[in-house]
Amino acid sequence: QVQLVESGGGLVQSGGSLRLTCAGSGFPVSDEIMTWHRQARDKPPEWIATLFPGGATFYDDSVKGRFTISRDDAKNTLYLQMNSLKPEDTAVYYCQNHDSNTWGQGTQVTVSS
């Protein structure tokens, strides 16, 4: 069974950092296109970043240079390192196995000004 579980969210001050974790099971994270999305209150989901099996990464302009998507193949885990956080980054963050369209349950990130 393909499953994703996010963790690492929380409350942080503007300018701070957080690292989100997405633990995969039932499939090798290294073999799939993996993506982070976020959804702020009363707004549609927003794509943030994608990591391809070969290692190529792509970012939305709103997070480019501040966020880094990566993975640990030994731990079968996807990460999102978020630096220089802004209040507008406040949202529920989700990881997605793009190929199977499997989503995690989400983790809340709140950035205070």
C-alpha atoms as a PDB file:
ATOM      1  CA  GLN A   1       0.000   0.000   0.000  1.00  0.00           C
ATOM      2  CA  VAL A   2       1.420   3.346  -1.066  1.00  0.00           C
ATOM      3  CA  GLN A   3       1.419   5.763   1.836  1.00  0.00           C
ATOM      4  CA  LEU A   4       2.950   9.156   2.690  1.00  0.00           C
ATOM      5  CA  VAL A   5       3.193  10.686   6.151  1.00  0.00           C
ATOM      6  CA  GLU A   6       4.319  14.290   6.631  1.00  0.00           C
ATOM      7  CA  SER A   7       5.790  15.799   9.783  1.00  0.00           C
ATOM      8  CA  GLY A   8       7.878  18.739  10.879  1.00  0.00           C
ATOM      9  CA  GLY A   9       5.399  21.573  10.690  1.00  0.00           C
ATOM     10  CA  GLY A  10       4.930  24.092  13.450  1.00  0.00           C
ATOM     11  CA  LEU A  11       4.977  27.736  14.453  1.00  0.00           C
ATOM     12  CA  VAL A  12       8.021  29.793  13.517  1.00  0.00           C
ATOM     13  CA  GLN A  13       8.853  33.493  13.413  1.00  0.00           C
ATOM     14  CA  SER A  14       9.362  35.338  10.163  1.00  0.00           C
ATOM     15  CA  GLY A  15      12.881  34.695   8.887  1.00  0.00           C
ATOM     16  CA  GLY A  16      13.093  31.333  10.593  1.00  0.00           C
ATOM     17  CA  SER A  17      13.517  27.835   9.190  1.00  0.00           C
ATOM     18  CA  LEU A  18      11.730  24.509   9.276  1.00  0.00           C
ATOM     19  CA  ARG A  19      12.376  21.147   7.685  1.00  0.00           C
ATOM     20  CA  LEU A  20       9.400  19.091   6.609  1.00  0.00           C
ATOM     21  CA  THR A  21       9.644  15.327   6.336  1.00  0.00           C
ATOM     22  CA  CYS A  22       7.575  13.003   4.150  1.00  0.00           C
ATOM     23  CA  ALA A  23       8.061   9.329   4.950  1.00  0.00           C
ATOM     24  CA  GLY A  24       7.134   6.999   2.122  1.00  0.00           C
ATOM     25  CA  SER A  25       6.039   3.366   2.381  1.00  0.00           C
ATOM     26  CA  GLY A  26       4.963   0.777  -0.171  1.00  0.00           C
ATOM     27  CA  PHE A  27       7.190   2.209  -2.882  1.00  0.00           C
ATOM     28  CA  PRO A  28      10.729   3.557  -3.323  1.00  0.00           C
ATOM     29  CA  VAL A  29      10.706   7.365  -3.119  1.00  0.00           C
ATOM     30  CA  SER A  30      13.808   7.392  -5.329  1.00  0.00           C
ATOM     31  CA  ASP A  31      11.887   5.852  -8.251  1.00  0.00           C
ATOM     32  CA  GLU A  32       8.970   8.304  -8.295  1.00  0.00           C
ATOM     33  CA  ILE A  33       8.354  11.921  -9.178  1.00  0.00           C
ATOM     34  CA  MET A  34       7.805  13.517  -5.775  1.00  0.00           C
ATOM     35  CA  THR A  35       6.188  16.895  -5.207  1.00  0.00           C
ATOM     36  CA  TRP A  36       5.413  19.310  -2.375  1.00  0.00           C
ATOM     37  CA  HIS A  37       2.260  21.392  -2.447  1.00  0.00           C
ATOM     38  CA  ARG A  38       0.684  23.772   0.036  1.00  0.00           C
ATOM     39  CA  GLN A  39      -2.761  25.150   0.675  1.00  0.00           C
ATOM     40  CA  ALA A  40      -3.425  28.326   2.583  1.00  0.00           C
ATOM     41  CA  ARG A  41      -6.793  28.914   4.206  1.00  0.00           C
ATOM     42  CA  ASP A  42      -9.526  29.744   1.683  1.00  0.00           C
ATOM     43  CA  LYS A  43      -7.124  29.341  -1.244  1.00  0.00           C
ATOM     44  CA  PRO A  44      -6.630  26.556  -3.789  1.00  0.00           C
ATOM     45  CA  PRO A  45      -3.652  24.169  -3.504  1.00  0.00           C
ATOM     46  CA  GLU A  46      -0.378  25.578  -4.781  1.00  0.00           C
ATOM     47  CA  TRP A  47       2.514  23.607  -6.296  1.00  0.00           C
ATOM     48  CA  ILE A  48       5.851  24.355  -4.638  1.00  0.00           C
ATOM     49  CA  ALA A  49       8.557  21.969  -5.765  1.00  0.00           C
ATOM     50  CA  THR A  50       9.238  18.711  -7.617  1.00  0.00           C
ATOM     51  CA  LEU A  51      12.082  16.211  -7.409  1.00  0.00           C
ATOM     52  CA  PHE A  52      12.610  13.783 -10.279  1.00  0.00           C
ATOM     53  CA  PRO A  53      14.149  10.320  -9.866  1.00  0.00           C
ATOM     54  CA  GLY A  54      17.313  11.465 -11.634  1.00  0.00           C
ATOM     55  CA  GLY A  55      17.732  14.314  -9.185  1.00  0.00           C
ATOM     56  CA  ALA A  56      16.443  17.267 -11.174  1.00  0.00           C
ATOM     57  CA  THR A  57      14.522  19.798  -9.085  1.00  0.00           C
ATOM     58  CA  PHE A  58      12.030  22.511  -9.969  1.00  0.00           C
ATOM     59  CA  TYR A  59      10.573  25.265  -7.801  1.00  0.00           C
ATOM     60  CA  ASP A  60       7.803  27.791  -7.933  1.00  0.00           C
ATOM     61  CA  ASP A  61       9.162  31.333  -8.109  1.00  0.00           C
ATOM     62  CA  SER A  62       7.600  32.140  -4.737  1.00  0.00           C
ATOM     63  CA  VAL A  63       9.968  29.737  -2.947  1.00  0.00           C
ATOM     64  CA  LYS A  64      12.970  29.565  -5.284  1.00  0.00           C
ATOM     65  CA  GLY A  65      16.180  30.298  -3.417  1.00  0.00           C
ATOM     66  CA  ARG A  66      14.534  29.775  -0.018  1.00  0.00           C
ATOM     67  CA  PHE A  67      13.212  26.200  -0.141  1.00  0.00           C
ATOM     68  CA  THR A  68      15.090  23.019  -1.050  1.00  0.00           C
ATOM     69  CA  ILE A  69      13.515  19.674  -1.937  1.00  0.00           C
ATOM     70  CA  SER A  70      15.625  16.588  -1.349  1.00  0.00           C
ATOM     71  CA  ARG A  71      15.394  12.937  -0.410  1.00  0.00           C
ATOM     72  CA  ASP A  72      17.222  10.287   1.602  1.00  0.00           C
ATOM     73  CA  ASP A  73      16.988   7.039  -0.323  1.00  0.00           C
ATOM     74  CA  ALA A  74      18.159   4.921   2.619  1.00  0.00           C
ATOM     75  CA  LYS A  75      15.330   6.311   4.757  1.00  0.00           C
ATOM     76  CA  ASN A  76      12.833   6.382   1.857  1.00  0.00           C
ATOM     77  CA  THR A  77      12.033   9.936   2.874  1.00  0.00           C
ATOM     78  CA  LEU A  78      11.424  13.223   1.091  1.00  0.00           C
ATOM     79  CA  TYR A  79      12.318  16.560   2.672  1.00  0.00           C
ATOM     80  CA  LEU A  80      11.507  20.219   2.232  1.00  0.00           C
ATOM     81  CA  GLN A  81      14.015  22.566   3.848  1.00  0.00           C
ATOM     82  CA  MET A  82      12.390  25.958   4.258  1.00  0.00           C
ATOM     83  CA  ASN A  83      14.535  28.990   5.070  1.00  0.00           C
ATOM     84  CA  SER A  84      13.796  32.706   5.318  1.00  0.00           C
ATOM     85  CA  LEU A  85      10.166  31.945   6.019  1.00  0.00           C
ATOM     86  CA  LYS A  86       7.557  34.643   5.500  1.00  0.00           C
ATOM     87  CA  PRO A  87       4.023  35.013   6.893  1.00  0.00           C
ATOM     88  CA  GLU A  88       2.678  34.292   3.398  1.00  0.00           C
ATOM     89  CA  ASP A  89       4.248  30.816   3.614  1.00  0.00           C
ATOM     90  CA  THR A  90       1.623  29.913   6.221  1.00  0.00           C
ATOM     91  CA  ALA A  91      -0.303  26.913   4.903  1.00  0.00           C
ATOM     92  CA  VAL A  92      -0.855  23.183   5.201  1.00  0.00           C
ATOM     93  CA  TYR A  93       1.963  21.455   3.354  1.00  0.00           C
ATOM     94  CA  TYR A  94       1.443  18.174   1.519  1.00  0.00           C
ATOM     95  CA  CYS A  95       3.776  15.764  -0.228  1.00  0.00           C
ATOM     96  CA  GLN A  96       2.620  13.821  -3.256  1.00  0.00           C
ATOM     97  CA  ASN A  97       3.709  10.752  -5.165  1.00  0.00           C
ATOM     98  CA  HIS A  98       2.969  12.194  -8.594  1.00  0.00           C
ATOM     99  CA  ASP A  99       2.826   8.875 -10.437  1.00  0.00           C
ATOM    100  CA  SER A 100       0.211   7.278  -8.174  1.00  0.00           C
ATOM    101  CA  ASN A 101      -1.340  10.613  -7.150  1.00  0.00           C
ATOM    102  CA  THR A 102      -0.994   9.632  -3.503  1.00  0.00           C
ATOM    103  CA  TRP A 103      -1.014  12.492  -0.981  1.00  0.00           C
ATOM    104  CA  GLY A 104      -0.067  12.641   2.652  1.00  0.00           C
ATOM    105  CA  GLN A 105      -2.322  14.016   5.375  1.00  0.00           C
ATOM    106  CA  GLY A 106      -0.551  17.368   5.493  1.00  0.00           C
ATOM    107  CA  THR A 107       1.377  19.291   8.133  1.00  0.00           C
ATOM    108  CA  GLN A 108       0.573  22.832   9.267  1.00  0.00           C
ATOM    109  CA  VAL A 109       3.198  25.549   8.949  1.00  0.00           C
ATOM    110  CA  THR A 110       2.480  28.889  10.580  1.00  0.00           C
ATOM    111  CA  VAL A 111       4.843  31.836  10.207  1.00  0.00           C
ATOM    112  CA  SER A 112       4.297  34.761  12.557  1.00  0.00           C
ATOM    113  CA  SER A 113       5.301  38.300  11.666  1.00  0.00           C
END
